[in-house]
Amino acid sequence: MSASGQTRLTTAPLATEPTEGAEQPRERRERSSAPEHDVSVVIPCRNESNRLPRQLDALAAQDFRGTWEIVVADNGSTDDTAAVAHAHADRFPSLRVVDASARPGRHHACNVGIADARGRVVLFVDADDTVAPDYVTAMTRALHDDPVVAARLDHATLDEPWMDGVGSAVQDHALQPGFGFLPFGAGCSLGFRREVLEAVGGFREDATYCEDVDLCWRAHLAGFPLQFAPDAVVHYQSRPNLRAMFRQHRQYAAAQAYLFRHYRAAGMPPRALRTTAAEWWAVVRALPRLRSRTERARWARRAGRCVGRVQGSLRHRVWYV
């Protein structure tokens, strides 16, 4: 903390060039103005008028004493998302809604948010989660020591009791292991010093559903390894029904093939055939035992991953099933 009570960040100049092959947001390349805030909180969203107020309420309750802003990147909403965000503007020192409708996808919305952000550090949160009261302070403190950090995910606050044991309690005590390669953090929990995002080029625009993993890995390979920030907490909410869970995990698993295509040369290992066989067998074997909602949710997620890796392998022309 500075003598005035505001959190100040110290960052060293970075000599790292943008990662080869990474697509830098055009808006970011064109903007050269100096940061105006300590922190920018970017919220990528599409049709989140019902859940966005809960996250904005959580952000409005922050105890952060530095200068900060909220950037809502509206990814082509057809509901009242923008109006809902504007209605909360008087609760923040600065809140803007930016048009991120040119291309569907969280990765594009985040890049538009980065381009508009005026903070020395950028935090990414999702509209369907909520952050703890000291989240911005804890993330800013962590980013004072490390250039890239990921918060701890709490799976108990927002999920219903029947979700306990489903298997979603990832990143609750450490970073996610990263498919035998490099650790990563969920996109809704990440924070970056601004110059790191500029050095690596932001989110890759073709990295759908694995944009967070890809960015963490590119940052690591550029010399900015990800660190875990356990004092910063995101209350994470899982998908609300079995169909949504299956679809989410199918999409995530399909994206793993994308990652393998791009990172096998850097050391990402292939999947062992025995692992694939064991997972498919577990899906088949569990069918007669799907009596409880918890068991069905666990099965939907596992089946989605099995199907998704096949689809991703076909789409990206690699063997990663």
C-alpha atoms as a PDB file:
ATOM      1  CA  MET A   1       0.000   0.000   0.000  1.00  0.00           C
ATOM      2  CA  SER A   2       1.132   3.567  -0.642  1.00  0.00           C
ATOM      3  CA  ALA A   3       0.988   6.273   1.986  1.00  0.00           C
ATOM      4  CA  SER A   4      -2.292   7.461   0.528  1.00  0.00           C
ATOM      5  CA  GLY A   5      -3.873   4.047   1.127  1.00  0.00           C
ATOM      6  CA  GLN A   6      -4.058   3.128  -2.553  1.00  0.00           C
ATOM      7  CA  THR A   7      -2.531  -0.040  -3.888  1.00  0.00           C
ATOM      8  CA  ARG A   8       0.323   0.676  -6.277  1.00  0.00           C
ATOM      9  CA  LEU A   9       2.004  -1.767  -8.602  1.00  0.00           C
ATOM     10  CA  THR A  10       5.620  -1.931  -9.617  1.00  0.00           C
ATOM     11  CA  THR A  11       6.451  -3.652 -12.864  1.00  0.00           C
ATOM     12  CA  ALA A  12       9.701  -4.014 -14.719  1.00  0.00           C
ATOM     13  CA  PRO A  13      10.002  -3.306 -18.450  1.00  0.00           C
ATOM     14  CA  LEU A  14       9.491  -6.420 -20.538  1.00  0.00           C
ATOM     15  CA  ALA A  15      11.680  -7.278 -23.488  1.00  0.00           C
ATOM     16  CA  THR A  16       9.724 -10.364 -24.540  1.00  0.00           C
ATOM     17  CA  GLU A  17       8.334 -10.244 -28.081  1.00  0.00           C
ATOM     18  CA  PRO A  18       4.789 -11.435 -28.843  1.00  0.00           C
ATOM     19  CA  THR A  19       4.551 -15.205 -29.200  1.00  0.00           C
ATOM     20  CA  GLU A  20       4.863 -16.351 -32.800  1.00  0.00           C
ATOM     21  CA  GLY A  21       1.470 -17.210 -34.232  1.00  0.00           C
ATOM     22  CA  ALA A  22      -0.515 -15.362 -31.592  1.00  0.00           C
ATOM     23  CA  GLU A  23      -3.125 -13.009 -32.959  1.00  0.00           C
ATOM     24  CA  GLN A  24      -2.916  -9.640 -31.261  1.00  0.00           C
ATOM     25  CA  PRO A  25      -6.165  -7.693 -30.916  1.00  0.00           C
ATOM     26  CA  ARG A  26      -6.169  -4.887 -33.489  1.00  0.00           C
ATOM     27  CA  GLU A  27      -7.607  -2.455 -30.948  1.00  0.00           C
ATOM     28  CA  ARG A  28      -4.765  -3.165 -28.524  1.00  0.00           C
ATOM     29  CA  ARG A  29      -2.093  -2.536 -31.139  1.00  0.00           C
ATOM     30  CA  GLU A  30      -3.622   0.814 -31.985  1.00  0.00           C
ATOM     31  CA  ARG A  31      -4.046   2.079 -28.437  1.00  0.00           C
ATOM     32  CA  SER A  32      -0.957   3.579 -26.794  1.00  0.00           C
ATOM     33  CA  SER A  33      -2.320   5.714 -23.960  1.00  0.00           C
ATOM     34  CA  ALA A  34      -0.856   5.239 -20.494  1.00  0.00           C
ATOM     35  CA  PRO A  35      -2.850   3.357 -17.835  1.00  0.00           C
ATOM     36  CA  GLU A  36      -5.287   5.481 -15.860  1.00  0.00           C
ATOM     37  CA  HIS A  37      -6.208   2.963 -13.141  1.00  0.00           C
ATOM     38  CA  ASP A  38      -4.539   0.392 -10.947  1.00  0.00           C
ATOM     39  CA  VAL A  39      -6.987  -2.332 -12.002  1.00  0.00           C
ATOM     40  CA  SER A  40      -9.391  -3.129 -14.836  1.00  0.00           C
ATOM     41  CA  VAL A  41     -11.973  -5.864 -14.263  1.00  0.00           C
ATOM     42  CA  VAL A  42     -13.134  -7.281 -17.603  1.00  0.00           C
ATOM     43  CA  ILE A  43     -16.454  -9.167 -17.729  1.00  0.00           C
ATOM     44  CA  PRO A  44     -17.075 -10.921 -21.063  1.00  0.00           C
ATOM     45  CA  CYS A  45     -20.754 -11.767 -21.380  1.00  0.00           C
ATOM     46  CA  ARG A  46     -23.579 -12.645 -23.719  1.00  0.00           C
ATOM     47  CA  ASN A  47     -27.234 -12.668 -22.655  1.00  0.00           C
ATOM     48  CA  GLU A  48     -26.424 -12.509 -18.939  1.00  0.00           C
ATOM     49  CA  SER A  49     -29.030  -9.989 -17.814  1.00  0.00           C
ATOM     50  CA  ASN A  50     -30.280 -12.374 -15.116  1.00  0.00           C
ATOM     51  CA  ARG A  51     -26.936 -13.318 -13.591  1.00  0.00           C
ATOM     52  CA  LEU A  52     -24.800 -10.241 -14.250  1.00  0.00           C
ATOM     53  CA  PRO A  53     -26.403  -8.215 -11.400  1.00  0.00           C
ATOM     54  CA  ARG A  54     -25.209 -10.774  -8.865  1.00  0.00           C
ATOM     55  CA  GLN A  55     -21.606 -10.444 -10.016  1.00  0.00           C
ATOM     56  CA  LEU A  56     -21.837  -6.661 -10.184  1.00  0.00           C
ATOM     57  CA  ASP A  57     -23.228  -6.616  -6.634  1.00  0.00           C
ATOM     58  CA  ALA A  58     -20.228  -8.669  -5.515  1.00  0.00           C
ATOM     59  CA  LEU A  59     -17.833  -6.304  -7.241  1.00  0.00           C
ATOM     60  CA  ALA A  60     -19.576  -3.258  -5.788  1.00  0.00           C
ATOM     61  CA  ALA A  61     -18.921  -4.700  -2.315  1.00  0.00           C
ATOM     62  CA  GLN A  62     -15.137  -4.837  -2.828  1.00  0.00           C
ATOM     63  CA  ASP A  63     -12.860  -3.334  -0.198  1.00  0.00           C
ATOM     64  CA  PHE A  64     -10.238  -2.266  -2.736  1.00  0.00           C
ATOM     65  CA  ARG A  65      -8.709   1.140  -2.013  1.00  0.00           C
ATOM     66  CA  GLY A  66      -6.926   1.719  -5.307  1.00  0.00           C
ATOM     67  CA  THR A  67      -8.272   3.150  -8.546  1.00  0.00           C
ATOM     68  CA  TRP A  68     -10.191   0.687 -10.681  1.00  0.00           C
ATOM     69  CA  GLU A  69     -12.798   0.216 -13.369  1.00  0.00           C
ATOM     70  CA  ILE A  70     -15.280  -2.314 -14.732  1.00  0.00           C
ATOM     71  CA  VAL A  71     -15.323  -3.133 -18.458  1.00  0.00           C
ATOM     72  CA  VAL A  72     -18.339  -5.181 -19.572  1.00  0.00           C
ATOM     73  CA  ALA A  73     -17.568  -6.686 -22.990  1.00  0.00           C
ATOM     74  CA  ASP A  74     -20.972  -7.426 -24.521  1.00  0.00           C
ATOM     75  CA  ASN A  75     -20.567 -10.301 -26.980  1.00  0.00           C
ATOM     76  CA  GLY A  76     -23.714  -9.632 -29.018  1.00  0.00           C
ATOM     77  CA  SER A  77     -26.386  -9.956 -26.342  1.00  0.00           C
ATOM     78  CA  THR A  78     -30.004  -9.964 -27.489  1.00  0.00           C
ATOM     79  CA  ASP A  79     -31.392  -9.380 -23.997  1.00  0.00           C
ATOM     80  CA  ASP A  80     -30.977  -6.446 -21.578  1.00  0.00           C
ATOM     81  CA  THR A  81     -27.380  -7.219 -20.584  1.00  0.00           C
ATOM     82  CA  ALA A  82     -26.093  -3.779 -21.589  1.00  0.00           C
ATOM     83  CA  ALA A  83     -28.968  -1.960 -19.872  1.00  0.00           C
ATOM     84  CA  VAL A  84     -28.450  -3.989 -16.702  1.00  0.00           C
ATOM     85  CA  ALA A  85     -24.759  -3.100 -16.682  1.00  0.00           C
ATOM     86  CA  HIS A  86     -25.459   0.598 -17.241  1.00  0.00           C
ATOM     87  CA  ALA A  87     -27.983   0.539 -14.388  1.00  0.00           C
ATOM     88  CA  HIS A  88     -25.151  -0.408 -12.009  1.00  0.00           C
ATOM     89  CA  ALA A  89     -22.753   2.272 -13.249  1.00  0.00           C
ATOM     90  CA  ASP A  90     -23.305   4.648 -10.326  1.00  0.00           C
ATOM     91  CA  ARG A  91     -21.976   2.005  -7.917  1.00  0.00           C
ATOM     92  CA  PHE A  92     -18.468   2.053  -9.420  1.00  0.00           C
ATOM     93  CA  PRO A  93     -15.784   4.680  -9.952  1.00  0.00           C
ATOM     94  CA  SER A  94     -15.902   3.755 -13.637  1.00  0.00           C
ATOM     95  CA  LEU A  95     -18.042   1.257 -15.574  1.00  0.00           C
ATOM     96  CA  ARG A  96     -18.215   0.961 -19.351  1.00  0.00           C
ATOM     97  CA  VAL A  97     -20.035  -1.385 -21.694  1.00  0.00           C
ATOM     98  CA  VAL A  98     -18.061  -2.056 -24.863  1.00  0.00           C
ATOM     99  CA  ASP A  99     -19.356  -3.650 -28.043  1.00  0.00           C
ATOM    100  CA  ALA A 100     -17.729  -7.054 -28.548  1.00  0.00           C
ATOM    101  CA  SER A 101     -20.275  -8.398 -31.032  1.00  0.00           C
ATOM    102  CA  ALA A 102     -18.032  -8.596 -34.098  1.00  0.00           C
ATOM    103  CA  ARG A 103     -17.218 -12.246 -33.418  1.00  0.00           C
ATOM    104  CA  PRO A 104     -18.929 -14.733 -31.091  1.00  0.00           C
ATOM    105  CA  GLY A 105     -16.861 -16.218 -28.310  1.00  0.00           C
ATOM    106  CA  ARG A 106     -15.419 -15.428 -24.922  1.00  0.00           C
ATOM    107  CA  HIS A 107     -11.922 -15.093 -26.390  1.00  0.00           C
ATOM    108  CA  HIS A 108     -12.997 -12.242 -28.670  1.00  0.00           C
ATOM    109  CA  ALA A 109     -14.968 -10.483 -25.925  1.00  0.00           C
ATOM    110  CA  CYS A 110     -11.933 -10.652 -23.645  1.00  0.00           C
ATOM    111  CA  ASN A 111      -9.705  -9.184 -26.345  1.00  0.00           C
ATOM    112  CA  VAL A 112     -12.100  -6.280 -26.857  1.00  0.00           C
ATOM    113  CA  GLY A 113     -12.094  -5.771 -23.092  1.00  0.00           C
ATOM    114  CA  ILE A 114      -8.295  -5.773 -23.039  1.00  0.00           C
ATOM    115  CA  ALA A 115      -8.204  -3.185 -25.798  1.00  0.00           C
ATOM    116  CA  ASP A 116     -10.491  -0.869 -23.840  1.00  0.00           C
ATOM    117  CA  ALA A 117      -8.953  -1.512 -20.412  1.00  0.00           C
ATOM    118  CA  ARG A 118      -7.053   1.343 -18.773  1.00  0.00           C
ATOM    119  CA  GLY A 119      -5.613  -0.494 -15.788  1.00  0.00           C
ATOM    120  CA  ARG A 120      -2.088  -1.520 -14.948  1.00  0.00           C
ATOM    121  CA  VAL A 121      -3.427  -4.996 -14.296  1.00  0.00           C
ATOM    122  CA  VAL A 122      -6.399  -6.760 -15.891  1.00  0.00           C
ATOM    123  CA  LEU A 123      -8.640  -9.233 -14.068  1.00  0.00           C
ATOM    124  CA  PHE A 124     -11.098 -11.471 -15.912  1.00  0.00           C
ATOM    125  CA  VAL A 125     -14.303 -12.601 -14.213  1.00  0.00           C
ATOM    126  CA  ASP A 126     -17.463 -14.193 -15.606  1.00  0.00           C
ATOM    127  CA  ALA A 127     -21.007 -12.956 -15.196  1.00  0.00           C
ATOM    128  CA  ASP A 128     -22.354 -16.226 -13.806  1.00  0.00           C
ATOM    129  CA  ASP A 129     -19.912 -16.398 -10.873  1.00  0.00           C
ATOM    130  CA  THR A 130     -19.364 -14.077  -7.918  1.00  0.00           C
ATOM    131  CA  VAL A 131     -16.145 -12.864  -6.331  1.00  0.00           C
ATOM    132  CA  ALA A 132     -15.359 -12.686  -2.628  1.00  0.00           C
ATOM    133  CA  PRO A 133     -15.396  -9.233  -0.952  1.00  0.00           C
ATOM    134  CA  ASP A 134     -11.595  -8.905  -0.952  1.00  0.00           C
ATOM    135  CA  TYR A 135     -11.063 -10.384  -4.403  1.00  0.00           C
ATOM    136  CA  VAL A 136      -9.700  -7.317  -6.182  1.00  0.00           C
ATOM    137  CA  THR A 137      -7.382  -6.499  -3.283  1.00  0.00           C
ATOM    138  CA  ALA A 138      -6.080 -10.079  -3.070  1.00  0.00           C
ATOM    139  CA  MET A 139      -5.516 -10.349  -6.817  1.00  0.00           C
ATOM    140  CA  THR A 140      -3.767  -6.981  -6.949  1.00  0.00           C
ATOM    141  CA  ARG A 141      -1.516  -7.993  -4.081  1.00  0.00           C
ATOM    142  CA  ALA A 142      -0.654 -11.244  -5.852  1.00  0.00           C
ATOM    143  CA  LEU A 143       0.071  -9.408  -9.106  1.00  0.00           C
ATOM    144  CA  HIS A 144       2.486  -7.152  -7.259  1.00  0.00           C
ATOM    145  CA  ASP A 145       4.685 -10.229  -6.780  1.00  0.00           C
ATOM    146  CA  ASP A 146       3.927 -12.237  -9.936  1.00  0.00           C
ATOM    147  CA  PRO A 147       2.944 -11.145 -13.451  1.00  0.00           C
ATOM    148  CA  VAL A 148       0.240 -13.800 -13.981  1.00  0.00           C
ATOM    149  CA  VAL A 149      -1.984 -15.298 -11.284  1.00  0.00           C
ATOM    150  CA  ALA A 150      -5.092 -17.447 -10.901  1.00  0.00           C
ATOM    151  CA  ALA A 151      -7.526 -17.271  -7.999  1.00  0.00           C
ATOM    152  CA  ARG A 152      -8.920 -20.120  -5.938  1.00  0.00           C
ATOM    153  CA  LEU A 153     -12.293 -21.511  -7.026  1.00  0.00           C
ATOM    154  CA  ASP A 154     -14.957 -22.182  -4.396  1.00  0.00           C
ATOM    155  CA  HIS A 155     -17.500 -24.746  -5.622  1.00  0.00           C
ATOM    156  CA  ALA A 156     -19.740 -24.875  -2.551  1.00  0.00           C
ATOM    157  CA  THR A 157     -21.292 -21.412  -2.290  1.00  0.00           C
ATOM    158  CA  LEU A 158     -23.268 -21.258  -5.552  1.00  0.00           C
ATOM    159  CA  ASP A 159     -23.641 -24.931  -6.484  1.00  0.00           C
ATOM    160  CA  GLU A 160     -26.514 -26.915  -5.033  1.00  0.00           C
ATOM    161  CA  PRO A 161     -25.704 -29.651  -2.459  1.00  0.00           C
ATOM    162  CA  TRP A 162     -26.336 -32.472  -4.940  1.00  0.00           C
ATOM    163  CA  MET A 163     -23.319 -31.251  -6.941  1.00  0.00           C
ATOM    164  CA  ASP A 164     -20.970 -32.275  -4.140  1.00  0.00           C
ATOM    165  CA  GLY A 165     -18.867 -35.151  -5.417  1.00  0.00           C
ATOM    166  CA  VAL A 166     -19.630 -34.595  -9.089  1.00  0.00           C
ATOM    167  CA  GLY A 167     -15.967 -33.912  -9.705  1.00  0.00           C
ATOM    168  CA  SER A 168     -15.918 -30.219 -10.457  1.00  0.00           C
ATOM    169  CA  ALA A 169     -13.851 -29.193  -7.440  1.00  0.00           C
ATOM    170  CA  VAL A 170     -10.916 -28.127  -9.566  1.00  0.00           C
ATOM    171  CA  GLN A 171      -8.552 -25.289  -8.686  1.00  0.00           C
ATOM    172  CA  ASP A 172      -9.726 -25.239  -5.086  1.00  0.00           C
ATOM    173  CA  HIS A 173      -6.251 -25.758  -3.618  1.00  0.00           C
ATOM    174  CA  ALA A 174      -3.835 -25.518  -6.568  1.00  0.00           C
ATOM    175  CA  LEU A 175      -3.596 -24.714 -10.264  1.00  0.00           C
ATOM    176  CA  GLN A 176      -5.104 -27.152 -12.737  1.00  0.00           C
ATOM    177  CA  PRO A 177      -2.483 -29.687 -13.866  1.00  0.00           C
ATOM    178  CA  GLY A 178      -2.702 -29.051 -17.604  1.00  0.00           C
ATOM    179  CA  PHE A 179      -2.979 -32.483 -19.301  1.00  0.00           C
ATOM    180  CA  GLY A 180       0.543 -33.503 -18.299  1.00  0.00           C
ATOM    181  CA  PHE A 181       2.077 -30.333 -19.728  1.00  0.00           C
ATOM    182  CA  LEU A 182       1.859 -26.936 -17.989  1.00  0.00           C
ATOM    183  CA  PRO A 183      -0.546 -25.770 -15.259  1.00  0.00           C
ATOM    184  CA  PHE A 184      -3.332 -23.346 -16.055  1.00  0.00           C
ATOM    185  CA  GLY A 185      -6.172 -21.474 -14.406  1.00  0.00           C
ATOM    186  CA  ALA A 186      -9.820 -21.112 -15.340  1.00  0.00           C
ATOM    187  CA  GLY A 187     -10.522 -18.017 -17.410  1.00  0.00           C
ATOM    188  CA  CYS A 188     -12.890 -16.638 -14.771  1.00  0.00           C
ATOM    189  CA  SER A 189     -10.027 -16.545 -12.256  1.00  0.00           C
ATOM    190  CA  LEU A 190      -7.111 -15.053 -14.180  1.00  0.00           C
ATOM    191  CA  GLY A 191      -5.223 -11.811 -13.614  1.00  0.00           C
ATOM    192  CA  PHE A 192      -2.402 -10.328 -15.700  1.00  0.00           C
ATOM    193  CA  ARG A 193      -0.146  -7.364 -15.572  1.00  0.00           C
ATOM    194  CA  ARG A 194      -1.060  -5.314 -18.589  1.00  0.00           C
ATOM    195  CA  GLU A 195       2.349  -5.581 -20.238  1.00  0.00           C
ATOM    196  CA  VAL A 196       2.175  -9.376 -20.158  1.00  0.00           C
ATOM    197  CA  LEU A 197      -1.009  -9.334 -22.226  1.00  0.00           C
ATOM    198  CA  GLU A 198       0.656  -6.973 -24.661  1.00  0.00           C
ATOM    199  CA  ALA A 199       3.785  -9.129 -24.814  1.00  0.00           C
ATOM    200  CA  VAL A 200       1.943 -12.368 -25.638  1.00  0.00           C
ATOM    201  CA  GLY A 201      -0.758 -10.780 -27.776  1.00  0.00           C
ATOM    202  CA  GLY A 202      -3.919 -11.373 -25.764  1.00  0.00           C
ATOM    203  CA  PHE A 203      -6.224 -14.330 -26.366  1.00  0.00           C
ATOM    204  CA  ARG A 204      -5.808 -16.291 -29.578  1.00  0.00           C
ATOM    205  CA  GLU A 205      -8.949 -15.693 -31.603  1.00  0.00           C
ATOM    206  CA  ASP A 206      -9.240 -19.277 -32.859  1.00  0.00           C
ATOM    207  CA  ALA A 207      -8.760 -20.884 -29.424  1.00  0.00           C
ATOM    208  CA  THR A 208     -12.438 -21.494 -28.713  1.00  0.00           C
ATOM    209  CA  TYR A 209     -13.151 -23.106 -25.311  1.00  0.00           C
ATOM    210  CA  CYS A 210      -9.460 -23.367 -24.437  1.00  0.00           C
ATOM    211  CA  GLU A 211      -8.549 -19.707 -24.694  1.00  0.00           C
ATOM    212  CA  ASP A 212      -7.656 -19.584 -20.997  1.00  0.00           C
ATOM    213  CA  VAL A 213      -5.350 -22.626 -21.153  1.00  0.00           C
ATOM    214  CA  ASP A 214      -3.690 -21.378 -24.321  1.00  0.00           C
ATOM    215  CA  LEU A 215      -3.027 -17.928 -22.875  1.00  0.00           C
ATOM    216  CA  CYS A 216      -1.606 -19.339 -19.636  1.00  0.00           C
ATOM    217  CA  TRP A 217       0.713 -21.601 -21.601  1.00  0.00           C
ATOM    218  CA  ARG A 218       1.857 -18.899 -24.002  1.00  0.00           C
ATOM    219  CA  ALA A 219       2.591 -16.623 -21.068  1.00  0.00           C
ATOM    220  CA  HIS A 220       4.576 -19.386 -19.360  1.00  0.00           C
ATOM    221  CA  LEU A 221       6.591 -20.139 -22.495  1.00  0.00           C
ATOM    222  CA  ALA A 222       7.273 -16.408 -22.894  1.00  0.00           C
ATOM    223  CA  GLY A 223       8.773 -16.286 -19.398  1.00  0.00           C
ATOM    224  CA  PHE A 224       5.730 -15.431 -17.264  1.00  0.00           C
ATOM    225  CA  PRO A 225       4.747 -18.598 -15.360  1.00  0.00           C
ATOM    226  CA  LEU A 226       1.334 -18.697 -13.717  1.00  0.00           C
ATOM    227  CA  GLN A 227       1.118 -18.586  -9.922  1.00  0.00           C
ATOM    228  CA  PHE A 228      -1.732 -19.624  -7.627  1.00  0.00           C
ATOM    229  CA  ALA A 229      -3.362 -16.903  -5.481  1.00  0.00           C
ATOM    230  CA  PRO A 230      -5.265 -18.812  -2.751  1.00  0.00           C
ATOM    231  CA  ASP A 231      -6.352 -15.657  -0.895  1.00  0.00           C
ATOM    232  CA  ALA A 232      -8.353 -14.488  -3.931  1.00  0.00           C
ATOM    233  CA  VAL A 233     -11.603 -16.448  -4.183  1.00  0.00           C
ATOM    234  CA  VAL A 234     -14.118 -16.856  -7.006  1.00  0.00           C
ATOM    235  CA  HIS A 235     -17.426 -18.492  -6.101  1.00  0.00           C
ATOM    236  CA  TYR A 236     -17.827 -20.681  -9.166  1.00  0.00           C
ATOM    237  CA  GLN A 237     -21.169 -21.899 -10.489  1.00  0.00           C
ATOM    238  CA  SER A 238     -21.401 -25.115 -12.489  1.00  0.00           C
ATOM    239  CA  ARG A 239     -23.752 -25.589 -15.408  1.00  0.00           C
ATOM    240  CA  PRO A 240     -27.375 -25.880 -14.210  1.00  0.00           C
ATOM    241  CA  ASN A 241     -28.492 -29.121 -15.906  1.00  0.00           C
ATOM    242  CA  LEU A 242     -27.185 -32.352 -17.404  1.00  0.00           C
ATOM    243  CA  ARG A 243     -27.498 -31.246 -21.026  1.00  0.00           C
ATOM    244  CA  ALA A 244     -25.500 -28.093 -20.351  1.00  0.00           C
ATOM    245  CA  MET A 245     -22.863 -30.069 -18.456  1.00  0.00           C
ATOM    246  CA  PHE A 246     -22.509 -32.578 -21.304  1.00  0.00           C
ATOM    247  CA  ARG A 247     -22.214 -29.780 -23.871  1.00  0.00           C
ATOM    248  CA  GLN A 248     -19.665 -27.826 -21.811  1.00  0.00           C
ATOM    249  CA  HIS A 249     -17.400 -30.812 -21.230  1.00  0.00           C
ATOM    250  CA  ARG A 250     -17.729 -31.948 -24.846  1.00  0.00           C
ATOM    251  CA  GLN A 251     -16.597 -28.515 -26.006  1.00  0.00           C
ATOM    252  CA  TYR A 252     -13.748 -28.364 -23.497  1.00  0.00           C
ATOM    253  CA  ALA A 253     -12.509 -31.822 -24.480  1.00  0.00           C
ATOM    254  CA  ALA A 254     -12.702 -30.999 -28.188  1.00  0.00           C
ATOM    255  CA  ALA A 255     -10.505 -27.991 -27.464  1.00  0.00           C
ATOM    256  CA  GLN A 256      -7.877 -30.261 -25.919  1.00  0.00           C
ATOM    257  CA  ALA A 257      -7.133 -31.556 -29.408  1.00  0.00           C
ATOM    258  CA  TYR A 258      -6.525 -27.952 -30.473  1.00  0.00           C
ATOM    259  CA  LEU A 259      -4.049 -27.588 -27.635  1.00  0.00           C
ATOM    260  CA  PHE A 260      -2.276 -30.818 -28.563  1.00  0.00           C
ATOM    261  CA  ARG A 261      -1.942 -29.695 -32.157  1.00  0.00           C
ATOM    262  CA  HIS A 262      -0.298 -26.437 -31.069  1.00  0.00           C
ATOM    263  CA  TYR A 263       1.781 -27.645 -28.112  1.00  0.00           C
ATOM    264  CA  ARG A 264       2.917 -31.197 -28.857  1.00  0.00           C
ATOM    265  CA  ALA A 265       6.168 -29.801 -30.252  1.00  0.00           C
ATOM    266  CA  ALA A 266       6.665 -27.914 -26.978  1.00  0.00           C
ATOM    267  CA  GLY A 267       6.179 -31.060 -24.902  1.00  0.00           C
ATOM    268  CA  MET A 268       2.434 -31.668 -24.422  1.00  0.00           C
ATOM    269  CA  PRO A 269       2.193 -35.467 -24.291  1.00  0.00           C
ATOM    270  CA  PRO A 270      -0.298 -37.590 -26.233  1.00  0.00           C
ATOM    271  CA  ARG A 271      -3.015 -39.466 -24.376  1.00  0.00           C
ATOM    272  CA  ALA A 272      -2.258 -43.094 -23.584  1.00  0.00           C
ATOM    273  CA  LEU A 273      -4.543 -45.611 -25.281  1.00  0.00           C
ATOM    274  CA  ARG A 274      -5.163 -47.364 -21.962  1.00  0.00           C
ATOM    275  CA  THR A 275      -6.397 -44.074 -20.476  1.00  0.00           C
ATOM    276  CA  THR A 276      -8.843 -43.586 -23.324  1.00  0.00           C
ATOM    277  CA  ALA A 277     -10.092 -47.170 -23.057  1.00  0.00           C
ATOM    278  CA  ALA A 278     -10.547 -46.848 -19.291  1.00  0.00           C
ATOM    279  CA  GLU A 279     -12.588 -43.663 -19.615  1.00  0.00           C
ATOM    280  CA  TRP A 280     -14.898 -45.079 -22.288  1.00  0.00           C
ATOM    281  CA  TRP A 281     -15.349 -48.233 -20.229  1.00  0.00           C
ATOM    282  CA  ALA A 282     -16.226 -46.143 -17.171  1.00  0.00           C
ATOM    283  CA  VAL A 283     -18.932 -44.363 -19.208  1.00  0.00           C
ATOM    284  CA  VAL A 284     -20.462 -47.649 -20.362  1.00  0.00           C
ATOM    285  CA  ARG A 285     -20.143 -49.407 -17.011  1.00  0.00           C
ATOM    286  CA  ALA A 286     -21.856 -46.554 -15.148  1.00  0.00           C
ATOM    287  CA  LEU A 287     -25.052 -46.646 -17.243  1.00  0.00           C
ATOM    288  CA  PRO A 288     -26.984 -49.113 -15.019  1.00  0.00           C
ATOM    289  CA  ARG A 289     -26.082 -47.163 -11.878  1.00  0.00           C
ATOM    290  CA  LEU A 290     -27.331 -43.690 -12.779  1.00  0.00           C
ATOM    291  CA  ARG A 291     -29.864 -43.525  -9.958  1.00  0.00           C
ATOM    292  CA  SER A 292     -29.063 -40.209  -8.329  1.00  0.00           C
ATOM    293  CA  ARG A 293     -28.772 -36.730  -9.817  1.00  0.00           C
ATOM    294  CA  THR A 294     -25.157 -36.621  -8.705  1.00  0.00           C
ATOM    295  CA  GLU A 295     -24.349 -39.853 -10.545  1.00  0.00           C
ATOM    296  CA  ARG A 296     -26.080 -38.635 -13.698  1.00  0.00           C
ATOM    297  CA  ALA A 297     -24.206 -35.336 -13.584  1.00  0.00           C
ATOM    298  CA  ARG A 298     -20.885 -37.115 -13.152  1.00  0.00           C
ATOM    299  CA  TRP A 299     -21.726 -39.375 -16.103  1.00  0.00           C
ATOM    300  CA  ALA A 300     -22.822 -36.476 -18.340  1.00  0.00           C
ATOM    301  CA  ARG A 301     -19.540 -34.671 -17.809  1.00  0.00           C
ATOM    302  CA  ARG A 302     -17.440 -37.802 -18.369  1.00  0.00           C
ATOM    303  CA  ALA A 303     -19.375 -38.822 -21.485  1.00  0.00           C
ATOM    304  CA  GLY A 304     -19.108 -35.292 -22.845  1.00  0.00           C
ATOM    305  CA  ARG A 305     -15.332 -35.405 -22.511  1.00  0.00           C
ATOM    306  CA  CYS A 306     -15.067 -38.769 -24.277  1.00  0.00           C
ATOM    307  CA  VAL A 307     -17.205 -37.606 -27.195  1.00  0.00           C
ATOM    308  CA  GLY A 308     -15.522 -34.211 -27.356  1.00  0.00           C
ATOM    309  CA  ARG A 309     -12.016 -35.585 -27.704  1.00  0.00           C
ATOM    310  CA  VAL A 310     -13.110 -37.664 -30.682  1.00  0.00           C
ATOM    311  CA  GLN A 311     -14.772 -34.648 -32.288  1.00  0.00           C
ATOM    312  CA  GLY A 312     -11.773 -32.447 -31.579  1.00  0.00           C
ATOM    313  CA  SER A 313      -9.347 -34.981 -33.007  1.00  0.00           C
ATOM    314  CA  LEU A 314     -11.324 -35.095 -36.241  1.00  0.00           C
ATOM    315  CA  ARG A 315     -11.672 -31.321 -36.390  1.00  0.00           C
ATOM    316  CA  HIS A 316      -8.012 -30.548 -35.737  1.00  0.00           C
ATOM    317  CA  ARG A 317      -6.607 -33.612 -37.528  1.00  0.00           C
ATOM    318  CA  VAL A 318      -4.659 -34.984 -34.604  1.00  0.00           C
ATOM    319  CA  TRP A 319      -4.964 -38.144 -32.516  1.00  0.00           C
ATOM    320  CA  TYR A 320      -6.035 -37.034 -29.038  1.00  0.00           C
ATOM    321  CA  VAL A 321      -8.938 -39.236 -27.984  1.00  0.00           C
END
